[in-house]
PDB file of N, CA and C in Angstrom:
ATOM      1  N   MET A   1    -243.997  50.463  -2.169  1.00  0.00           N
ATOM      2  CA  MET A   1    -244.118  49.951  -3.678  1.00  0.00           C
ATOM      3  C   MET A   1    -245.111  51.038  -4.705  1.00  0.00           C
ATOM      4  N   ASN A   2    -244.828  50.732  -6.201  1.00  0.00           N
ATOM      5  CA  ASN A   2    -245.837  52.027  -6.930  1.00  0.00           C
ATOM      6  C   ASN A   2    -246.370  50.899  -8.073  1.00  0.00           C
ATOM      7  N   LEU A   3    -247.725  50.119  -7.682  1.00  0.00           N
ATOM      8  CA  LEU A   3    -247.892  50.198  -8.992  1.00  0.00           C
ATOM      9  C   LEU A   3    -249.327  50.742  -9.083  1.00  0.00           C
ATOM     10  N   THR A   4    -249.934  50.506 -10.140  1.00  0.00           N
ATOM     11  CA  THR A   4    -250.815  51.188 -10.517  1.00  0.00           C
ATOM     12  C   THR A   4    -251.925  50.255 -11.135  1.00  0.00           C
ATOM     13  N   LEU A   5    -253.034  50.405 -10.855  1.00  0.00           N
ATOM     14  CA  LEU A   5    -254.330  49.813 -11.188  1.00  0.00           C
ATOM     15  C   LEU A   5    -255.101  51.106 -11.716  1.00  0.00           C
ATOM     16  N   THR A   6    -255.595  50.729 -12.999  1.00  0.00           N
ATOM     17  CA  THR A   6    -256.752  51.303 -13.616  1.00  0.00           C
ATOM     18  C   THR A   6    -257.902  51.400 -13.265  1.00  0.00           C
ATOM     19  N   GLU A   7    -258.910  52.287 -13.616  1.00  0.00           N
ATOM     20  CA  GLU A   7    -260.095  52.739 -13.430  1.00  0.00           C
ATOM     21  C   GLU A   7    -261.189  51.159 -14.488  1.00  0.00           C
ATOM     22  N   SER A   8    -260.414  51.020 -15.430  1.00  0.00           N
ATOM     23  CA  SER A   8    -260.982  49.205 -15.692  1.00  0.00           C
ATOM     24  C   SER A   8    -260.486  48.189 -14.879  1.00  0.00           C
ATOM     25  N   ALA A   9    -259.317  47.667 -14.534  1.00  0.00           N
ATOM     26  CA  ALA A   9    -258.646  47.027 -13.022  1.00  0.00           C
ATOM     27  C   ALA A   9    -259.279  47.175 -12.434  1.00  0.00           C
ATOM     28  N   SER A  10    -259.468  48.266 -11.512  1.00  0.00           N
ATOM     29  CA  SER A  10    -260.216  48.600  -9.450  1.00  0.00           C
ATOM     30  C   SER A  10    -261.496  47.970 -10.411  1.00  0.00           C
ATOM     31  N   SER A  11    -262.393  48.025 -11.220  1.00  0.00           N
ATOM     32  CA  SER A  11    -264.191  48.376 -11.490  1.00  0.00           C
ATOM     33  C   SER A  11    -263.616  46.825 -11.639  1.00  0.00           C
ATOM     34  N   LYS A  12    -263.051  45.687 -12.414  1.00  0.00           N
ATOM     35  CA  LYS A  12    -262.901  44.549 -12.701  1.00  0.00           C
ATOM     36  C   LYS A  12    -263.308  43.063 -11.339  1.00  0.00           C
ATOM     37  N   ILE A  13    -261.818  44.273 -10.419  1.00  0.00           N
ATOM     38  CA  ILE A  13    -261.713  43.729  -8.983  1.00  0.00           C
ATOM     39  C   ILE A  13    -262.310  43.656  -8.159  1.00  0.00           C
ATOM     40  N   THR A  14    -263.429  44.811  -8.073  1.00  0.00           N
ATOM     41  CA  THR A  14    -264.842  45.382  -7.713  1.00  0.00           C
ATOM     42  C   THR A  14    -265.654  43.908  -7.361  1.00  0.00           C
ATOM     43  N   GLU A  15    -265.814  43.662  -8.972  1.00  0.00           N
ATOM     44  CA  GLU A  15    -267.424  43.368  -9.618  1.00  0.00           C
ATOM     45  C   GLU A  15    -266.934  41.786  -9.083  1.00  0.00           C
ATOM     46  N   LEU A  16    -265.268  41.441  -9.387  1.00  0.00           N
ATOM     47  CA  LEU A  16    -265.284  40.057  -8.929  1.00  0.00           C
ATOM     48  C   LEU A  16    -265.729  39.557  -7.268  1.00  0.00           C
ATOM     49  N   ILE A  17    -264.658  41.028  -6.306  1.00  0.00           N
ATOM     50  CA  ILE A  17    -265.258  40.390  -4.876  1.00  0.00           C
ATOM     51  C   ILE A  17    -266.608  40.333  -4.545  1.00  0.00           C
ATOM     52  N   LEU A  18    -267.201  41.671  -5.419  1.00  0.00           N
ATOM     53  CA  LEU A  18    -268.844  41.989  -4.966  1.00  0.00           C
ATOM     54  C   LEU A  18    -269.289  39.642  -5.316  1.00  0.00           C
ATOM     55  N   GLU A  19    -268.824  39.651  -6.477  1.00  0.00           N
ATOM     56  CA  GLU A  19    -269.615  38.313  -6.989  1.00  0.00           C
ATOM     57  C   GLU A  19    -269.357  36.930  -5.920  1.00  0.00           C
ATOM     58  N   GLU A  20    -268.128  37.335  -5.278  1.00  0.00           N
ATOM     59  CA  GLU A  20    -267.901  36.159  -4.149  1.00  0.00           C
ATOM     60  C   GLU A  20    -268.533  36.276  -2.535  1.00  0.00           C
ATOM     61  N   ASN A  21    -269.113  37.907  -2.584  1.00  0.00           N
ATOM     62  CA  ASN A  21    -269.780  37.593  -1.296  1.00  0.00           C
ATOM     63  C   ASN A  21    -269.359  37.441   0.140  1.00  0.00           C
ATOM     64  N   ASN A  22    -267.921  37.511  -0.107  1.00  0.00           N
ATOM     65  CA  ASN A  22    -266.943  37.983   0.855  1.00  0.00           C
ATOM     66  C   ASN A  22    -266.201  39.375   1.367  1.00  0.00           C
ATOM     67  N   PRO A  23    -266.621  39.647   2.705  1.00  0.00           N
ATOM     68  CA  PRO A  23    -266.115  41.468   2.515  1.00  0.00           C
ATOM     69  C   PRO A  23    -264.066  40.860   2.740  1.00  0.00           C
ATOM     70  N   SER A  24    -264.053  39.817   3.085  1.00  0.00           N
ATOM     71  CA  SER A  24    -262.877  39.213   3.558  1.00  0.00           C
ATOM     72  C   SER A  24    -262.158  39.148   2.544  1.00  0.00           C
ATOM     73  N   ILE A  25    -262.278  39.127   1.043  1.00  0.00           N
ATOM     74  CA  ILE A  25    -261.639  38.411   0.206  1.00  0.00           C
ATOM     75  C   ILE A  25    -260.864  39.693  -0.217  1.00  0.00           C
ATOM     76  N   ARG A  26    -259.784  39.370  -0.986  1.00  0.00           N
ATOM     77  CA  ARG A  26    -258.795  40.645  -1.377  1.00  0.00           C
ATOM     78  C   ARG A  26    -258.167  40.206  -2.999  1.00  0.00           C
ATOM     79  N   LEU A  27    -258.042  40.824  -4.034  1.00  0.00           N
ATOM     80  CA  LEU A  27    -257.254  39.993  -5.124  1.00  0.00           C
ATOM     81  C   LEU A  27    -256.193  40.130  -4.770  1.00  0.00           C
ATOM     82  N   ARG A  28    -255.017  38.589  -5.255  1.00  0.00           N
ATOM     83  CA  ARG A  28    -253.410  38.751  -4.683  1.00  0.00           C
ATOM     84  C   ARG A  28    -252.960  39.001  -6.306  1.00  0.00           C
ATOM     85  N   MET A  29    -251.621  39.372  -6.313  1.00  0.00           N
ATOM     86  CA  MET A  29    -251.107  39.479  -8.126  1.00  0.00           C
ATOM     87  C   MET A  29    -250.166  39.035  -7.055  1.00  0.00           C
ATOM     88  N   PHE A  30    -249.237  38.355  -8.270  1.00  0.00           N
ATOM     89  CA  PHE A  30    -248.521  37.651  -7.952  1.00  0.00           C
ATOM     90  C   PHE A  30    -247.217  37.545  -9.372  1.00  0.00           C
ATOM     91  N   VAL A  31    -245.297  36.737  -8.546  1.00  0.00           N
ATOM     92  CA  VAL A  31    -244.700  36.690 -10.074  1.00  0.00           C
ATOM     93  C   VAL A  31    -244.321  35.494  -9.587  1.00  0.00           C
ATOM     94  N   GLN A  32    -243.973  34.646 -10.522  1.00  0.00           N
ATOM     95  CA  GLN A  32    -243.506  33.001 -10.205  1.00  0.00           C
ATOM     96  C   GLN A  32    -242.583  32.394 -11.471  1.00  0.00           C
ATOM     97  N   GLY A  33    -241.615  32.098 -11.097  1.00  0.00           N
ATOM     98  CA  GLY A  33    -240.942  31.605 -12.134  1.00  0.00           C
ATOM     99  C   GLY A  33    -242.512  30.398 -13.700  1.00  0.00           C
ATOM    100  N   GLY A  34    -241.522  31.138 -14.036  1.00  0.00           N
ATOM    101  CA  GLY A  34    -242.190  29.399 -14.884  1.00  0.00           C
ATOM    102  C   GLY A  34    -242.967  30.780 -16.708  1.00  0.00           C
ATOM    103  N   GLY A  35    -243.677  29.520 -17.299  1.00  0.00           N
ATOM    104  CA  GLY A  35    -243.760  31.237 -18.362  1.00  0.00           C
ATOM    105  C   GLY A  35    -242.754  30.993 -19.774  1.00  0.00           C
ATOM    106  N   CYS A  36    -243.332  31.063 -20.896  1.00  0.00           N
ATOM    107  CA  CYS A  36    -242.838  30.999 -22.405  1.00  0.00           C
ATOM    108  C   CYS A  36    -241.754  32.017 -22.165  1.00  0.00           C
ATOM    109  N   SER A  37    -241.871  33.182 -21.743  1.00  0.00           N
ATOM    110  CA  SER A  37    -240.444  34.430 -20.856  1.00  0.00           C
ATOM    111  C   SER A  37    -239.383  34.337 -19.845  1.00  0.00           C
ATOM    112  N   GLY A  38    -240.238  32.748 -18.661  1.00  0.00           N
ATOM    113  CA  GLY A  38    -238.996  33.100 -17.892  1.00  0.00           C
ATOM    114  C   GLY A  38    -239.891  33.418 -16.805  1.00  0.00           C
ATOM    115  N   MET A  39    -240.810  34.066 -16.116  1.00  0.00           N
ATOM    116  CA  MET A  39    -241.786  34.392 -15.183  1.00  0.00           C
ATOM    117  C   MET A  39    -243.433  34.803 -15.603  1.00  0.00           C
ATOM    118  N   SER A  40    -243.826  34.661 -14.714  1.00  0.00           N
ATOM    119  CA  SER A  40    -245.147  34.738 -15.148  1.00  0.00           C
ATOM    120  C   SER A  40    -245.834  35.960 -14.225  1.00  0.00           C
ATOM    121  N   TYR A  41    -246.907  36.192 -13.991  1.00  0.00           N
ATOM    122  CA  TYR A  41    -248.027  37.175 -13.912  1.00  0.00           C
ATOM    123  C   TYR A  41    -248.811  36.004 -13.335  1.00  0.00           C
ATOM    124  N   GLY A  42    -249.755  36.007 -12.225  1.00  0.00           N
ATOM    125  CA  GLY A  42    -250.596  34.946 -12.042  1.00  0.00           C
ATOM    126  C   GLY A  42    -251.813  36.104 -10.513  1.00  0.00           C
ATOM    127  N   PHE A  43    -252.897  35.247 -10.376  1.00  0.00           N
ATOM    128  CA  PHE A  43    -254.222  36.368  -9.703  1.00  0.00           C
ATOM    129  C   PHE A  43    -255.151  35.054  -9.004  1.00  0.00           C
ATOM    130  N   THR A  44    -254.413  35.770  -8.435  1.00  0.00           N
ATOM    131  CA  THR A  44    -256.234  34.713  -7.137  1.00  0.00           C
ATOM    132  C   THR A  44    -257.163  35.557  -6.698  1.00  0.00           C
ATOM    133  N   LEU A  45    -258.112  35.352  -5.512  1.00  0.00           N
ATOM    134  CA  LEU A  45    -258.586  35.483  -4.518  1.00  0.00           C
ATOM    135  C   LEU A  45    -258.030  35.069  -3.388  1.00  0.00           C
ATOM    136  N   ASP A  46    -257.741  36.101  -2.061  1.00  0.00           N
ATOM    137  CA  ASP A  46    -256.982  35.612  -0.750  1.00  0.00           C
ATOM    138  C   ASP A  46    -257.956  36.074   0.509  1.00  0.00           C
ATOM    139  N   GLU A  47    -257.933  35.302   1.119  1.00  0.00           N
ATOM    140  CA  GLU A  47    -258.783  36.345   2.417  1.00  0.00           C
ATOM    141  C   GLU A  47    -257.656  35.994   3.271  1.00  0.00           C
ATOM    142  N   ILE A  48    -256.443  36.318   3.241  1.00  0.00           N
ATOM    143  CA  ILE A  48    -255.694  36.364   4.713  1.00  0.00           C
ATOM    144  C   ILE A  48    -253.978  36.770   3.514  1.00  0.00           C
ATOM    145  N   GLN A  49    -254.010  38.194   4.593  1.00  0.00           N
ATOM    146  CA  GLN A  49    -252.723  39.147   4.327  1.00  0.00           C
ATOM    147  C   GLN A  49    -252.500  38.637   5.075  1.00  0.00           C
ATOM    148  N   ASN A  50    -251.391  38.538   4.290  1.00  0.00           N
ATOM    149  CA  ASN A  50    -249.399  38.102   5.348  1.00  0.00           C
ATOM    150  C   ASN A  50    -248.667  39.351   5.613  1.00  0.00           C
ATOM    151  N   GLU A  51    -247.959  39.360   6.785  1.00  0.00           N
ATOM    152  CA  GLU A  51    -246.834  40.490   7.123  1.00  0.00           C
ATOM    153  C   GLU A  51    -245.771  40.733   6.093  1.00  0.00           C
ATOM    154  N   ASP A  52    -245.604  39.857   5.428  1.00  0.00           N
ATOM    155  CA  ASP A  52    -244.908  40.893   4.296  1.00  0.00           C
ATOM    156  C   ASP A  52    -245.960  41.749   3.129  1.00  0.00           C
ATOM    157  N   ASP A  53    -246.624  41.070   3.055  1.00  0.00           N
ATOM    158  CA  ASP A  53    -247.649  42.063   2.098  1.00  0.00           C
ATOM    159  C   ASP A  53    -247.786  43.304   1.903  1.00  0.00           C
ATOM    160  N   TRP A  54    -247.461  43.992   0.521  1.00  0.00           N
ATOM    161  CA  TRP A  54    -248.191  45.199   0.211  1.00  0.00           C
ATOM    162  C   TRP A  54    -248.912  45.288  -0.194  1.00  0.00           C
ATOM    163  N   VAL A  55    -250.581  46.006   0.316  1.00  0.00           N
ATOM    164  CA  VAL A  55    -251.466  46.483  -0.342  1.00  0.00           C
ATOM    165  C   VAL A  55    -251.664  47.452  -0.540  1.00  0.00           C
ATOM    166  N   ILE A  56    -251.362  47.233  -2.382  1.00  0.00           N
ATOM    167  CA  ILE A  56    -252.418  48.639  -3.070  1.00  0.00           C
ATOM    168  C   ILE A  56    -253.783  48.964  -3.439  1.00  0.00           C
ATOM    169  N   GLU A  57    -254.215  50.643  -2.731  1.00  0.00           N
ATOM    170  CA  GLU A  57    -255.522  50.858  -2.455  1.00  0.00           C
ATOM    171  C   GLU A  57    -255.758  51.872  -4.022  1.00  0.00           C
ATOM    172  N   SER A  58    -257.246  51.214  -4.745  1.00  0.00           N
ATOM    173  CA  SER A  58    -256.974  52.037  -5.440  1.00  0.00           C
ATOM    174  C   SER A  58    -259.115  52.012  -5.590  1.00  0.00           C
ATOM    175  N   GLY A  59    -259.197  53.474  -5.876  1.00  0.00           N
ATOM    176  CA  GLY A  59    -260.432  53.318  -5.602  1.00  0.00           C
ATOM    177  C   GLY A  59    -261.487  53.097  -4.077  1.00  0.00           C
ATOM    178  N   SER A  60    -262.602  51.773  -4.731  1.00  0.00           N
ATOM    179  CA  SER A  60    -262.790  50.567  -3.751  1.00  0.00           C
ATOM    180  C   SER A  60    -261.926  49.785  -2.952  1.00  0.00           C
ATOM    181  N   THR A  61    -261.250  49.341  -3.725  1.00  0.00           N
ATOM    182  CA  THR A  61    -260.820  48.115  -3.371  1.00  0.00           C
ATOM    183  C   THR A  61    -259.109  47.723  -3.313  1.00  0.00           C
ATOM    184  N   SER A  62    -258.769  47.101  -3.013  1.00  0.00           N
ATOM    185  CA  SER A  62    -256.829  47.046  -2.998  1.00  0.00           C
ATOM    186  C   SER A  62    -256.477  45.465  -3.866  1.00  0.00           C
ATOM    187  N   VAL A  63    -255.200  45.630  -3.507  1.00  0.00           N
ATOM    188  CA  VAL A  63    -255.078  44.130  -4.104  1.00  0.00           C
ATOM    189  C   VAL A  63    -253.374  44.200  -3.370  1.00  0.00           C
ATOM    190  N   LEU A  64    -253.118  42.531  -3.161  1.00  0.00           N
ATOM    191  CA  LEU A  64    -252.050  41.880  -2.058  1.00  0.00           C
ATOM    192  C   LEU A  64    -250.814  42.241  -2.915  1.00  0.00           C
ATOM    193  N   VAL A  65    -250.311  41.735  -2.702  1.00  0.00           N
ATOM    194  CA  VAL A  65    -248.182  41.904  -2.856  1.00  0.00           C
ATOM    195  C   VAL A  65    -247.794  41.401  -2.876  1.00  0.00           C
ATOM    196  N   ASP A  66    -246.993  40.168  -2.622  1.00  0.00           N
ATOM    197  CA  ASP A  66    -245.916  39.677  -1.950  1.00  0.00           C
ATOM    198  C   ASP A  66    -244.762  40.384  -2.184  1.00  0.00           C
ATOM    199  N   SER A  67    -243.953  40.575  -0.979  1.00  0.00           N
ATOM    200  CA  SER A  67    -243.073  40.960  -0.834  1.00  0.00           C
ATOM    201  C   SER A  67    -241.700  40.528  -2.130  1.00  0.00           C
ATOM    202  N   MET A  68    -241.831  39.582  -2.372  1.00  0.00           N
ATOM    203  CA  MET A  68    -240.752  38.367  -3.503  1.00  0.00           C
ATOM    204  C   MET A  68    -241.411  39.368  -4.984  1.00  0.00           C
ATOM    205  N   SER A  69    -242.704  39.227  -5.323  1.00  0.00           N
ATOM    206  CA  SER A  69    -243.445  39.768  -6.521  1.00  0.00           C
ATOM    207  C   SER A  69    -243.173  41.347  -6.423  1.00  0.00           C
ATOM    208  N   ALA A  70    -243.195  42.157  -5.893  1.00  0.00           N
ATOM    209  CA  ALA A  70    -243.060  43.361  -5.779  1.00  0.00           C
ATOM    210  C   ALA A  70    -241.350  44.266  -6.534  1.00  0.00           C
ATOM    211  N   GLN A  71    -240.345  42.879  -5.832  1.00  0.00           N
ATOM    212  CA  GLN A  71    -239.730  43.737  -6.774  1.00  0.00           C
ATOM    213  C   GLN A  71    -239.754  43.083  -8.334  1.00  0.00           C
ATOM    214  N   TYR A  72    -240.663  42.979  -8.799  1.00  0.00           N
ATOM    215  CA  TYR A  72    -241.142  42.396 -10.135  1.00  0.00           C
ATOM    216  C   TYR A  72    -241.967  43.233 -10.553  1.00  0.00           C
ATOM    217  N   LEU A  73    -242.796  44.123 -10.278  1.00  0.00           N
ATOM    218  CA  LEU A  73    -243.810  44.644 -10.215  1.00  0.00           C
ATOM    219  C   LEU A  73    -243.639  46.206 -10.171  1.00  0.00           C
ATOM    220  N   GLU A  74    -242.796  46.905  -9.987  1.00  0.00           N
ATOM    221  CA  GLU A  74    -242.281  48.058  -9.639  1.00  0.00           C
ATOM    222  C   GLU A  74    -242.912  49.083 -10.562  1.00  0.00           C
ATOM    223  N   HIS A  75    -243.505  49.783 -10.753  1.00  0.00           N
ATOM    224  CA  HIS A  75    -243.905  50.949 -11.591  1.00  0.00           C
ATOM    225  C   HIS A  75    -244.473  50.157 -12.611  1.00  0.00           C
ATOM    226  N   ALA A  76    -245.144  48.839 -12.098  1.00  0.00           N
ATOM    227  CA  ALA A  76    -245.814  48.811 -13.569  1.00  0.00           C
ATOM    228  C   ALA A  76    -247.725  48.885 -12.980  1.00  0.00           C
ATOM    229  N   VAL A  77    -248.456  49.067 -14.421  1.00  0.00           N
ATOM    230  CA  VAL A  77    -249.609  49.542 -14.753  1.00  0.00           C
ATOM    231  C   VAL A  77    -250.342  48.296 -14.785  1.00  0.00           C
ATOM    232  N   VAL A  78    -251.705  47.994 -14.480  1.00  0.00           N
ATOM    233  CA  VAL A  78    -252.319  47.024 -14.490  1.00  0.00           C
ATOM    234  C   VAL A  78    -253.361  47.632 -15.002  1.00  0.00           C
ATOM    235  N   ASP A  79    -254.391  46.681 -15.953  1.00  0.00           N
ATOM    236  CA  ASP A  79    -255.363  47.578 -16.883  1.00  0.00           C
ATOM    237  C   ASP A  79    -255.850  45.507 -16.982  1.00  0.00           C
ATOM    238  N   PHE A  80    -257.622  46.024 -16.989  1.00  0.00           N
ATOM    239  CA  PHE A  80    -258.161  44.627 -17.432  1.00  0.00           C
ATOM    240  C   PHE A  80    -259.127  45.195 -18.750  1.00  0.00           C
ATOM    241  N   LYS A  81    -258.973  44.099 -19.623  1.00  0.00           N
ATOM    242  CA  LYS A  81    -259.558  44.592 -21.387  1.00  0.00           C
ATOM    243  C   LYS A  81    -260.306  42.963 -21.471  1.00  0.00           C
ATOM    244  N   ASP A  82    -261.143  44.268 -22.425  1.00  0.00           N
ATOM    245  CA  ASP A  82    -262.270  42.985 -22.948  1.00  0.00           C
ATOM    246  C   ASP A  82    -262.274  43.339 -24.051  1.00  0.00           C
ATOM    247  N   ASP A  83    -261.619  42.486 -25.297  1.00  0.00           N
ATOM    248  CA  ASP A  83    -261.800  42.837 -26.368  1.00  0.00           C
ATOM    249  C   ASP A  83    -262.007  41.544 -27.828  1.00  0.00           C
ATOM    250  N   LEU A  84    -261.186  41.262 -28.616  1.00  0.00           N
ATOM    251  CA  LEU A  84    -261.523  40.447 -29.485  1.00  0.00           C
ATOM    252  C   LEU A  84    -260.705  39.367 -28.916  1.00  0.00           C
ATOM    253  N   GLU A  85    -259.760  39.385 -28.262  1.00  0.00           N
ATOM    254  CA  GLU A  85    -259.249  38.908 -27.806  1.00  0.00           C
ATOM    255  C   GLU A  85    -259.187  38.076 -26.467  1.00  0.00           C
ATOM    256  N   GLY A  86    -260.477  39.005 -26.136  1.00  0.00           N
ATOM    257  CA  GLY A  86    -261.149  37.875 -24.910  1.00  0.00           C
ATOM    258  C   GLY A  86    -261.225  39.426 -23.458  1.00  0.00           C
ATOM    259  N   SER A  87    -261.681  38.616 -22.275  1.00  0.00           N
ATOM    260  CA  SER A  87    -261.269  39.544 -21.010  1.00  0.00           C
ATOM    261  C   SER A  87    -259.732  38.917 -20.161  1.00  0.00           C
ATOM    262  N   ARG A  88    -259.480  40.045 -20.064  1.00  0.00           N
ATOM    263  CA  ARG A  88    -258.137  39.727 -18.633  1.00  0.00           C
ATOM    264  C   ARG A  88    -257.698  40.600 -18.452  1.00  0.00           C
ATOM    265  N   PHE A  89    -257.091  40.474 -17.059  1.00  0.00           N
ATOM    266  CA  PHE A  89    -255.759  41.398 -16.829  1.00  0.00           C
ATOM    267  C   PHE A  89    -254.574  42.041 -17.519  1.00  0.00           C
ATOM    268  N   SER A  90    -254.650  43.058 -18.296  1.00  0.00           N
ATOM    269  CA  SER A  90    -253.251  43.003 -18.834  1.00  0.00           C
ATOM    270  C   SER A  90    -252.123  44.278 -17.627  1.00  0.00           C
ATOM    271  N   ILE A  91    -250.912  43.550 -18.201  1.00  0.00           N
ATOM    272  CA  ILE A  91    -249.882  44.461 -17.271  1.00  0.00           C
ATOM    273  C   ILE A  91    -248.734  44.838 -18.308  1.00  0.00           C
ATOM    274  N   THR A  92    -248.499  46.247 -18.146  1.00  0.00           N
ATOM    275  CA  THR A  92    -247.258  46.365 -18.386  1.00  0.00           C
ATOM    276  C   THR A  92    -246.305  46.951 -17.606  1.00  0.00           C
ATOM    277  N   ASN A  93    -245.358  46.229 -17.721  1.00  0.00           N
ATOM    278  CA  ASN A  93    -243.988  46.501 -16.406  1.00  0.00           C
ATOM    279  C   ASN A  93    -242.274  47.090 -17.385  1.00  0.00           C
ATOM    280  N   PRO A  94    -242.681  48.087 -16.861  1.00  0.00           N
ATOM    281  CA  PRO A  94    -240.870  48.368 -17.481  1.00  0.00           C
ATOM    282  C   PRO A  94    -239.990  47.783 -17.314  1.00  0.00           C
ATOM    283  N   GLN A  95    -240.189  47.102 -16.222  1.00  0.00           N
ATOM    284  CA  GLN A  95    -238.772  46.148 -16.034  1.00  0.00           C
ATOM    285  C   GLN A  95    -238.700  45.020 -16.670  1.00  0.00           C
ATOM    286  N   ALA A  96    -239.608  44.272 -17.747  1.00  0.00           N
ATOM    287  CA  ALA A  96    -239.797  43.674 -18.613  1.00  0.00           C
ATOM    288  C   ALA A  96    -239.023  44.079 -19.685  1.00  0.00           C
ATOM    289  N   LYS A  97    -237.764  43.313 -20.015  1.00  0.00           N
ATOM    290  CA  LYS A  97    -236.747  43.355 -20.964  1.00  0.00           C
ATOM    291  C   LYS A  97    -237.482  42.182 -22.376  1.00  0.00           C
ATOM    292  N   THR A  98    -237.909  41.202 -22.668  1.00  0.00           N
ATOM    293  CA  THR A  98    -238.752  40.693 -23.272  1.00  0.00           C
ATOM    294  C   THR A  98    -240.240  40.404 -22.469  1.00  0.00           C
ATOM    295  N   THR A  99    -241.481  39.967 -23.068  1.00  0.00           N
ATOM    296  CA  THR A  99    -242.218  39.990 -23.127  1.00  0.00           C
ATOM    297  C   THR A  99    -242.726  38.241 -23.954  1.00  0.00           C
ATOM    298  N   CYS A 100    -243.910  37.717 -23.519  1.00  0.00           N
ATOM    299  CA  CYS A 100    -244.503  36.566 -24.340  1.00  0.00           C
ATOM    300  C   CYS A 100    -245.469  37.064 -25.589  1.00  0.00           C
ATOM    301  N   GLY A 101    -245.965  36.658 -26.790  1.00  0.00           N
ATOM    302  CA  GLY A 101    -246.820  36.790 -27.767  1.00  0.00           C
ATOM    303  C   GLY A 101    -248.573  37.264 -26.525  1.00  0.00           C
ATOM    304  N   CYS A 102    -248.553  35.996 -25.232  1.00  0.00           N
ATOM    305  CA  CYS A 102    -250.080  36.667 -25.326  1.00  0.00           C
ATOM    306  C   CYS A 102    -249.793  37.611 -23.590  1.00  0.00           C
ATOM    307  N   GLY A 103    -248.756  38.035 -23.508  1.00  0.00           N
ATOM    308  CA  GLY A 103    -248.528  39.363 -22.619  1.00  0.00           C
ATOM    309  C   GLY A 103    -248.651  38.751 -20.934  1.00  0.00           C
ATOM    310  N   SER A 104    -248.895  37.349 -20.786  1.00  0.00           N
ATOM    311  CA  SER A 104    -248.425  36.775 -19.151  1.00  0.00           C
ATOM    312  C   SER A 104    -247.478  35.969 -18.983  1.00  0.00           C
ATOM    313  N   SER A 105    -246.373  36.283 -19.568  1.00  0.00           N
ATOM    314  CA  SER A 105    -245.158  36.145 -18.871  1.00  0.00           C
ATOM    315  C   SER A 105    -244.309  37.080 -19.337  1.00  0.00           C
ATOM    316  N   PHE A 106    -243.400  37.260 -19.410  1.00  0.00           N
ATOM    317  CA  PHE A 106    -242.234  38.284 -18.867  1.00  0.00           C
ATOM    318  C   PHE A 106    -240.599  37.571 -18.620  1.00  0.00           C
ATOM    319  N   ASN A 107    -239.551  38.387 -19.160  1.00  0.00           N
ATOM    320  CA  ASN A 107    -237.921  38.186 -18.475  1.00  0.00           C
ATOM    321  C   ASN A 107    -237.824  39.735 -18.195  1.00  0.00           C
ATOM    322  N   PRO A 108    -237.130  39.403 -16.661  1.00  0.00           N
ATOM    323  CA  PRO A 108    -236.591  40.796 -15.743  1.00  0.00           C
ATOM    324  C   PRO A 108    -235.391  40.580 -16.107  1.00  0.00           C
ATOM    325  N   HIS A 109    -234.453  40.242 -17.573  1.00  0.00           N
ATOM    326  CA  HIS A 109    -232.885  39.950 -17.213  1.00  0.00           C
ATOM    327  C   HIS A 109    -232.919  40.599 -18.805  1.00  0.00           C
TER     328      HIS A 109
END
């Protein structure tokens, strides 16, 4: 799987994990049905790595992506932005045919 984390995203993930004070925790990124454009991105902290998970290494951190979500995230770039719109992970996804205004959902068709 080819998923890119920017330096800003990697730094924020490392910061979130350090705040949890649990070295077993990793960030899980996933895609689920719903959202104003059809599918939405989600993030959660997870201690469990499933057999079918992809592990995306970036710097000193890694991200888990389940095999179903991986097909929708191939070649995506994950960034972390902290600007006037707030603090958030931002995804640039070449598979998204349409996206919503907030950037948290997309339609791959």
